[in-house]
Amino acid sequence: MKKRWVALACLAALLVTLLLSGPTALAAYEDVYLLGVNDTLMLSFISAESMPVLRDGNLYAPCTLLEDKGLGLTYATNRTNGTFTIFNREKTLIFYLNRAGAEDKEGNSYAARVISRDGVVFIPVRFVAEFFGLTYSYSRLPLADGIVSLARIRSSQATLSDAKFGVSAATMAAGPLRQYAESQAAAEAPPSSPEPTAGPTPTPPPDEQVQPLDLSFAVACTDGGGFQTLLNAFSSAGYSALFLFSPDDLLTRDADVRSAAAAGHQIGLLLGPEDPEGDFRVGNERLSHILRAETNQVAFLQGGAKEGNWRVWSGGVAPRGRNVTAQAANLVSDINAAQGAARVTLNDTYTTAQAVQRNIRTWSRQPYTLVTVTEVGR
């Protein structure tokens, strides 16, 4: 009992320090989530690529957290069948990769889902923990320069109480969190303007000049990790993009659909190659329920656009590159290489959202003109 009071006293001291440091510190780590597995703090998750993400009130984290042997779980991905399976000797949980839902080996169905970010499967942490009889806890952890969310799953092999683990996590995470916050701030900061120099500015050679260019953007919403960042980026430029959802995802991302529509963006449908007419009908039925409105804007998941009672979006530029820096540079290069107009199809991964955020101020100025999709011909 004495040790527990000591741990709680340490947490209290941290909180007092935080409160004395001023109100601006309280929001320092508002969108950051630490994750503990048994007695291990997953420091590798404090990065842009692996940071856990909150979606519809559920915390999702990379499936690699299941590799802690103390949890007694194994996982497997089957891209051919479109499934992600977690199992131990007693239970099996099968998620669908291409739509919402899961089932166990007895055939019971669940509404929980996994999401994918840059090819990595993120699992709903609390649901998985409770399904396999693990303990899940969530707290707000005070640090010297802010408050951060801390989630933890543990089995009987964990030795630290949540209070003691919190004290340990606060110490271990302090440095990596500062580095993460600094890197995010640097990524989001607009490029600095060079100091003006006397005399006329030399005119670049013709092949280096960017000609006047119309830009239009659509977002294939298949991930979710960068959805809010994209909304914020487009809002900062006063631009209305086209956000495309599959009919299946409309069931679980209705909040995202409402957010995009409320921000003035257009909503469209992602249609599959097998039954596009059926997807179109079902998608509009679900949109009618969510927004009391329908759409005629569509895009095809695997190309091969078909004729129908719709307007087909087809973009010629898409993100490429493994990290934010590469995608940001490639988007600029590919857009500048277009002749007169560029139609850009983005995804809503965190990496792509950050790349767009870096460039959006540039694209909202001459020689670029942001054009809404309704103003773009079929």
Protein backbone atom coordinates (compact mmCIF):
# COMPACT_ATOMS: atom_id res chain seq x y z
CA MET A 1 0.00 0.00 0.00
CA LYS A 2 2.87 2.35 0.85
CA LYS A 3 4.42 1.83 -2.62
CA ARG A 4 1.10 2.63 -4.25
CA TRP A 5 0.84 5.90 -2.33
CA VAL A 6 4.37 6.80 -3.39
CA ALA A 7 3.45 6.25 -7.06
CA LEU A 8 0.31 8.33 -6.69
CA ALA A 9 2.30 11.08 -4.96
CA CYS A 10 4.70 11.18 -7.91
CA LEU A 11 1.80 11.59 -10.32
CA ALA A 12 0.34 14.34 -8.14
CA ALA A 13 3.67 16.17 -8.16
CA LEU A 14 3.78 15.99 -11.94
CA LEU A 15 0.27 17.41 -12.15
CA VAL A 16 1.11 20.32 -9.86
CA THR A 17 4.16 21.10 -11.99
CA LEU A 18 2.00 21.05 -15.10
CA LEU A 19 -0.62 23.36 -13.66
CA LEU A 20 2.04 25.85 -12.56
CA SER A 21 3.62 25.83 -16.00
CA GLY A 22 0.71 27.75 -17.53
CA PRO A 23 -2.42 27.05 -19.60
CA THR A 24 -0.67 26.73 -22.95
CA ALA A 25 0.90 23.45 -21.86
CA LEU A 26 -2.44 21.71 -21.47
CA ALA A 27 -2.88 21.23 -25.23
CA ALA A 28 0.70 20.22 -25.99
CA TYR A 29 -0.17 16.59 -26.74
CA GLU A 30 -3.86 16.82 -27.57
CA ASP A 31 -3.75 14.39 -30.52
CA VAL A 32 -1.01 12.09 -29.21
CA TYR A 33 -1.68 8.66 -27.70
CA LEU A 34 0.82 6.56 -25.77
CA LEU A 35 0.32 2.81 -25.63
CA GLY A 36 1.56 0.35 -23.04
CA VAL A 37 1.61 -3.43 -23.41
CA ASN A 38 2.06 -5.16 -20.07
CA ASP A 39 5.08 -3.37 -18.55
CA THR A 40 6.43 -2.03 -21.87
CA LEU A 41 5.78 1.45 -23.23
CA MET A 42 5.64 1.26 -27.03
CA LEU A 43 8.11 4.06 -27.76
CA SER A 44 8.30 3.03 -31.43
CA PHE A 45 4.67 4.19 -31.79
CA ILE A 46 5.67 7.81 -31.10
CA SER A 47 6.09 8.59 -34.78
CA ALA A 48 4.00 9.97 -37.63
CA GLU A 49 3.70 6.53 -39.24
CA SER A 50 2.82 4.50 -36.12
CA MET A 51 0.99 6.93 -33.81
CA PRO A 52 -2.27 5.37 -32.54
CA VAL A 53 -5.34 7.18 -33.85
CA LEU A 54 -8.79 7.85 -32.38
CA ARG A 55 -11.68 7.09 -34.72
CA ASP A 56 -15.36 7.22 -33.72
CA GLY A 57 -14.39 7.00 -30.06
CA ASN A 58 -12.18 3.92 -30.56
CA LEU A 59 -8.41 3.91 -30.22
CA TYR A 60 -6.60 2.07 -33.03
CA ALA A 61 -2.94 1.04 -32.85
CA PRO A 62 -0.54 -0.91 -35.10
CA CYS A 63 -1.11 -4.66 -34.98
CA THR A 64 2.57 -5.14 -34.09
CA LEU A 65 1.63 -4.52 -30.47
CA LEU A 66 0.35 -8.12 -30.50
CA GLU A 67 3.93 -9.36 -30.87
CA ASP A 68 4.48 -8.97 -27.12
CA LYS A 69 4.71 -12.61 -26.08
CA GLY A 70 3.19 -11.83 -22.71
CA LEU A 71 -0.19 -11.33 -24.36
CA GLY A 72 -0.25 -14.86 -25.73
CA LEU A 73 -1.71 -13.78 -29.06
CA THR A 74 -0.80 -14.44 -32.69
CA TYR A 75 -1.99 -12.62 -35.79
CA ALA A 76 -2.02 -13.27 -39.51
CA THR A 77 -2.96 -11.21 -42.58
CA ASN A 78 -4.51 -12.85 -45.64
CA ARG A 79 -4.64 -10.31 -48.44
CA THR A 80 -6.10 -12.86 -50.85
CA ASN A 81 -9.14 -13.53 -48.66
CA GLY A 82 -9.21 -9.98 -47.32
CA THR A 83 -8.99 -11.00 -43.65
CA PHE A 84 -6.93 -10.18 -40.58
CA THR A 85 -7.01 -12.86 -37.88
CA ILE A 86 -6.01 -12.76 -34.20
CA PHE A 87 -6.02 -15.98 -32.19
CA ASN A 88 -4.80 -17.94 -29.21
CA ARG A 89 -5.54 -21.48 -28.03
CA GLU A 90 -9.05 -20.64 -26.91
CA LYS A 91 -10.37 -17.94 -29.23
CA THR A 92 -10.19 -16.66 -32.80
CA LEU A 93 -11.22 -13.23 -34.05
CA ILE A 94 -11.42 -12.56 -37.80
CA PHE A 95 -11.62 -9.00 -39.15
CA TYR A 96 -12.47 -8.07 -42.74
CA LEU A 97 -9.88 -5.86 -44.40
CA ASN A 98 -12.13 -4.36 -47.05
CA ARG A 99 -15.21 -3.63 -45.00
CA ALA A 100 -16.41 -3.15 -41.47
CA GLY A 101 -17.12 -6.12 -39.22
CA ALA A 102 -15.57 -9.15 -37.57
CA GLU A 103 -16.57 -12.63 -36.48
CA ASP A 104 -15.33 -15.35 -34.15
CA LYS A 105 -14.87 -19.04 -34.91
CA GLU A 106 -18.39 -19.77 -33.63
CA GLY A 107 -19.83 -17.47 -36.30
CA ASN A 108 -20.82 -14.62 -33.99
CA SER A 109 -20.62 -11.22 -35.72
CA TYR A 110 -19.26 -7.95 -34.33
CA ALA A 111 -19.42 -4.35 -35.56
CA ALA A 112 -15.75 -3.69 -34.73
CA ARG A 113 -13.34 -3.17 -37.60
CA VAL A 114 -9.66 -2.70 -38.40
CA ILE A 115 -8.26 0.19 -40.42
CA SER A 116 -5.19 0.43 -42.61
CA ARG A 117 -2.62 3.22 -42.62
CA ASP A 118 0.11 3.13 -45.25
CA GLY A 119 -0.33 -0.64 -45.56
CA VAL A 120 -0.18 -1.33 -41.80
CA VAL A 121 -3.22 -2.84 -40.08
CA PHE A 122 -4.39 -0.88 -37.02
CA ILE A 123 -6.58 -2.78 -34.54
CA PRO A 124 -9.27 -1.48 -32.13
CA VAL A 125 -7.26 -1.83 -28.93
CA ARG A 126 -10.00 -1.99 -26.31
CA PHE A 127 -12.23 -4.37 -28.28
CA VAL A 128 -9.39 -6.81 -28.94
CA ALA A 129 -8.23 -6.66 -25.32
CA GLU A 130 -11.67 -7.36 -23.89
CA PHE A 131 -12.42 -10.09 -26.46
CA PHE A 132 -9.35 -12.06 -25.36
CA GLY A 133 -9.83 -11.41 -21.64
CA LEU A 134 -7.05 -8.85 -21.26
CA THR A 135 -7.28 -5.77 -19.05
CA TYR A 136 -7.63 -2.40 -20.75
CA SER A 137 -7.09 0.95 -19.05
CA TYR A 138 -7.06 4.54 -20.27
CA SER A 139 -5.85 7.64 -18.45
CA ARG A 140 -4.64 11.18 -18.97
CA LEU A 141 -0.99 11.31 -17.95
CA PRO A 142 0.45 14.62 -16.68
CA LEU A 143 3.90 15.57 -17.94
CA ALA A 144 6.04 18.62 -17.25
CA ASP A 145 4.98 20.27 -20.51
CA GLY A 146 1.49 18.93 -21.15
CA ILE A 147 -1.03 16.15 -20.69
CA VAL A 148 -0.95 13.04 -22.87
CA SER A 149 -3.39 10.15 -23.24
CA LEU A 150 -2.10 6.75 -22.12
CA ALA A 151 -3.80 3.47 -23.01
CA ARG A 152 -2.59 0.14 -21.69
CA ILE A 153 -3.46 -3.51 -22.20
CA ARG A 154 -2.09 -6.13 -19.86
CA SER A 155 -2.25 -9.80 -19.09
CA SER A 156 -1.53 -11.66 -15.88
CA GLN A 157 2.18 -11.38 -16.71
CA ALA A 158 2.23 -7.62 -16.04
CA THR A 159 3.91 -6.74 -12.74
CA LEU A 160 3.34 -2.98 -12.53
CA SER A 161 0.09 -1.39 -11.38
CA ASP A 162 -1.39 1.26 -13.65
CA ALA A 163 -0.19 3.98 -11.24
CA LYS A 164 3.41 2.74 -11.25
CA PHE A 165 3.35 2.19 -14.97
CA GLY A 166 2.15 5.78 -15.42
CA VAL A 167 5.11 7.13 -13.45
CA SER A 168 7.51 5.05 -15.53
CA ALA A 169 5.83 6.05 -18.80
CA ALA A 170 5.99 9.75 -17.93
CA THR A 171 9.77 9.52 -17.51
CA MET A 172 10.43 7.34 -20.56
CA ALA A 173 8.18 9.26 -22.96
CA ALA A 174 9.28 12.80 -22.12
CA GLY A 175 12.19 12.95 -24.59
CA PRO A 176 10.55 11.10 -27.50
CA LEU A 177 7.38 13.18 -27.12
CA ARG A 178 9.31 16.46 -27.31
CA GLN A 179 11.10 15.24 -30.44
CA TYR A 180 7.79 14.14 -31.97
CA ALA A 181 6.11 17.48 -31.22
CA GLU A 182 9.06 19.38 -32.70
CA SER A 183 9.05 17.26 -35.87
CA GLN A 184 5.30 17.77 -36.32
CA ALA A 185 5.61 21.50 -35.81
CA ALA A 186 8.41 21.65 -38.39
CA ALA A 187 6.36 19.63 -40.89
CA GLU A 188 3.32 21.89 -40.50
CA ALA A 189 5.20 25.20 -40.55
CA PRO A 190 5.00 27.14 -43.82
CA PRO A 191 8.28 27.50 -45.66
CA SER A 192 10.20 30.58 -44.62
CA SER A 193 10.34 33.41 -47.12
CA PRO A 194 13.79 34.52 -48.23
CA GLU A 195 14.93 37.99 -47.29
CA PRO A 196 14.28 40.54 -50.07
CA THR A 197 17.33 41.60 -52.01
CA ALA A 198 18.04 44.80 -53.82
CA GLY A 199 17.64 44.97 -57.55
CA PRO A 200 15.35 43.09 -59.93
CA THR A 201 14.76 39.38 -59.45
CA PRO A 202 16.15 37.40 -62.37
CA THR A 203 13.52 35.64 -64.47
CA PRO A 204 13.87 31.83 -64.38
CA PRO A 205 14.45 30.08 -67.67
CA PRO A 206 11.18 29.12 -69.45
CA ASP A 207 11.56 25.44 -68.61
CA GLU A 208 11.69 26.23 -64.87
CA GLN A 209 8.60 28.46 -64.79
CA VAL A 210 5.26 27.08 -63.61
CA GLN A 211 2.58 28.02 -66.10
CA PRO A 212 -0.93 28.98 -64.90
CA LEU A 213 -2.51 25.77 -63.68
CA ASP A 214 -6.00 24.75 -62.55
CA LEU A 215 -5.95 22.34 -59.62
CA SER A 216 -8.79 20.08 -58.44
CA PHE A 217 -8.62 17.51 -55.64
CA ALA A 218 -10.57 14.39 -54.70
CA VAL A 219 -9.91 12.19 -51.68
CA ALA A 220 -10.49 8.43 -51.72
CA CYS A 221 -11.39 7.86 -48.07
CA THR A 222 -10.07 4.35 -47.44
CA ASP A 223 -7.86 4.88 -44.38
CA GLY A 224 -8.94 7.66 -42.06
CA GLY A 225 -5.62 8.37 -40.38
CA GLY A 226 -5.24 11.77 -42.05
CA PHE A 227 -8.88 12.64 -42.61
CA GLN A 228 -9.08 15.52 -40.13
CA THR A 229 -5.73 16.93 -41.26
CA LEU A 230 -6.99 17.06 -44.85
CA LEU A 231 -10.18 18.82 -43.75
CA ASN A 232 -8.10 21.40 -41.90
CA ALA A 233 -5.71 21.87 -44.83
CA PHE A 234 -8.46 22.45 -47.39
CA SER A 235 -10.36 24.73 -44.98
CA SER A 236 -7.24 26.89 -44.54
CA ALA A 237 -7.26 27.45 -48.32
CA GLY A 238 -11.04 27.93 -48.52
CA TYR A 239 -11.25 25.01 -50.93
CA SER A 240 -14.08 22.54 -51.46
CA ALA A 241 -12.74 19.08 -52.38
CA LEU A 242 -14.53 15.88 -53.35
CA PHE A 243 -14.49 13.23 -50.59
CA LEU A 244 -15.25 9.72 -51.87
CA PHE A 245 -16.49 6.86 -49.66
CA SER A 246 -17.37 3.26 -50.46
CA PRO A 247 -20.95 2.22 -49.59
CA ASP A 248 -19.60 -0.17 -46.91
CA ASP A 249 -17.55 2.55 -45.24
CA LEU A 250 -20.59 4.81 -45.06
CA LEU A 251 -21.88 2.50 -42.31
CA THR A 252 -18.92 3.19 -40.04
CA ARG A 253 -17.70 6.61 -41.20
CA ASP A 254 -20.97 8.51 -41.09
CA ALA A 255 -19.39 11.02 -38.69
CA ASP A 256 -16.63 11.72 -41.22
CA VAL A 257 -19.21 12.14 -43.99
CA ARG A 258 -21.12 14.69 -41.91
CA SER A 259 -17.91 16.54 -41.02
CA ALA A 260 -16.85 16.82 -44.66
CA ALA A 261 -20.29 17.95 -45.78
CA ALA A 262 -20.55 20.48 -42.93
CA ALA A 263 -17.19 21.94 -43.99
CA GLY A 264 -18.57 22.55 -47.50
CA HIS A 265 -16.95 19.63 -49.28
CA GLN A 266 -18.67 17.46 -51.85
CA ILE A 267 -19.43 13.82 -51.12
CA GLY A 268 -19.07 11.08 -53.73
CA LEU A 269 -19.05 7.30 -53.92
CA LEU A 270 -16.28 4.79 -54.56
CA LEU A 271 -17.72 2.05 -56.76
CA GLY A 272 -16.41 -1.49 -57.16
CA PRO A 273 -15.89 -3.19 -60.52
CA GLU A 274 -18.35 -6.05 -60.02
CA ASP A 275 -21.67 -4.26 -59.43
CA PRO A 276 -21.23 -0.49 -59.78
CA GLU A 277 -24.95 0.10 -60.32
CA GLY A 278 -25.74 -1.76 -57.09
CA ASP A 279 -23.02 0.10 -55.20
CA PHE A 280 -24.36 3.39 -56.53
CA ARG A 281 -27.90 2.58 -55.41
CA VAL A 282 -26.90 1.34 -51.95
CA GLY A 283 -24.46 4.22 -51.44
CA ASN A 284 -27.10 6.83 -52.19
CA GLU A 285 -29.59 5.10 -49.91
CA ARG A 286 -27.10 5.37 -47.07
CA LEU A 287 -26.20 8.96 -47.96
CA SER A 288 -29.90 9.83 -47.86
CA HIS A 289 -30.02 8.51 -44.32
CA ILE A 290 -26.83 10.33 -43.26
CA LEU A 291 -27.20 13.66 -45.07
CA ARG A 292 -30.74 13.58 -46.49
CA ALA A 293 -29.08 14.07 -49.87
CA GLU A 294 -27.73 11.98 -52.72
CA THR A 295 -24.74 12.35 -55.08
CA ASN A 296 -23.95 11.71 -58.71
CA GLN A 297 -20.17 12.01 -58.26
CA VAL A 298 -18.35 8.66 -58.37
CA ALA A 299 -14.93 7.14 -58.85
CA PHE A 300 -14.00 3.55 -59.55
CA LEU A 301 -11.82 1.68 -57.08
CA GLN A 302 -9.90 -0.23 -59.73
CA GLY A 303 -10.27 2.07 -62.73
CA GLY A 304 -12.27 0.94 -65.75
CA ALA A 305 -14.99 3.59 -65.46
CA LYS A 306 -18.39 2.52 -66.74
CA GLU A 307 -21.20 4.56 -68.21
CA GLY A 308 -24.12 5.30 -65.93
CA ASN A 309 -26.24 8.02 -64.35
CA TRP A 310 -23.23 9.54 -62.67
CA ARG A 311 -20.30 11.90 -63.14
CA VAL A 312 -17.00 10.02 -63.06
CA TRP A 313 -13.98 11.48 -61.31
CA SER A 314 -10.69 10.35 -62.83
CA GLY A 315 -7.48 11.92 -61.56
CA GLY A 316 -4.17 11.95 -63.38
CA VAL A 317 -1.95 12.72 -60.36
CA ALA A 318 -1.68 10.58 -57.22
CA PRO A 319 0.61 10.56 -54.18
CA ARG A 320 3.79 8.52 -54.40
CA GLY A 321 6.62 8.07 -51.94
CA ARG A 322 7.11 6.30 -48.61
CA ASN A 323 7.26 9.33 -46.34
CA VAL A 324 5.90 12.86 -46.00
CA THR A 325 8.93 14.56 -47.53
CA ALA A 326 8.93 12.34 -50.62
CA GLN A 327 5.18 12.65 -51.17
CA ALA A 328 5.24 16.43 -50.75
CA ALA A 329 8.05 16.82 -53.29
CA ASN A 330 6.53 14.34 -55.77
CA LEU A 331 3.11 16.00 -55.65
CA VAL A 332 4.65 19.37 -56.47
CA SER A 333 6.72 17.88 -59.30
CA ASP A 334 3.85 15.89 -60.83
CA ILE A 335 1.39 18.78 -60.59
CA ASN A 336 3.85 21.23 -62.15
CA ALA A 337 4.41 18.80 -65.02
CA ALA A 338 0.71 18.92 -65.95
CA GLN A 339 -0.41 21.03 -68.87
CA GLY A 340 -3.04 23.63 -68.01
CA ALA A 341 -4.90 21.54 -65.42
CA ALA A 342 -4.13 18.82 -62.87
CA ARG A 343 -6.68 16.49 -61.30
CA VAL A 344 -5.27 14.99 -58.13
CA THR A 345 -6.65 11.88 -56.42
CA LEU A 346 -5.46 11.72 -52.82
CA ASN A 347 -5.95 9.12 -50.11
CA ASP A 348 -6.66 9.97 -46.47
CA THR A 349 -3.56 8.40 -44.96
CA TYR A 350 -1.68 10.44 -42.41
CA THR A 351 1.39 10.65 -44.66
CA THR A 352 -0.53 12.05 -47.62
CA ALA A 353 -2.45 14.48 -45.43
CA GLN A 354 0.80 15.89 -44.07
CA ALA A 355 2.18 16.22 -47.60
CA VAL A 356 -0.90 18.19 -48.67
CA GLN A 357 -0.71 20.37 -45.57
CA ARG A 358 2.86 21.32 -46.44
CA ASN A 359 1.91 22.48 -49.95
CA ILE A 360 -1.62 23.84 -49.67
CA ARG A 361 -0.56 27.45 -49.13
CA THR A 362 1.53 27.35 -52.28
CA TRP A 363 -1.31 25.82 -54.29
CA SER A 364 -3.74 28.50 -53.13
CA ARG A 365 -1.65 31.24 -54.80
CA GLN A 366 -0.70 32.11 -58.35
CA PRO A 367 0.16 30.56 -60.74
CA TYR A 368 -2.22 27.92 -59.31
CA THR A 369 -6.01 28.19 -59.24
CA LEU A 370 -7.99 25.83 -57.03
CA VAL A 371 -11.06 24.61 -58.91
CA THR A 372 -13.93 22.67 -57.32
CA VAL A 373 -14.89 19.35 -58.89
CA THR A 374 -18.30 20.63 -59.99
CA GLU A 375 -16.48 23.13 -62.20
CA VAL A 376 -14.39 20.39 -63.83
CA GLY A 377 -15.72 18.65 -66.92
CA ARG A 378 -16.52 14.96 -66.91
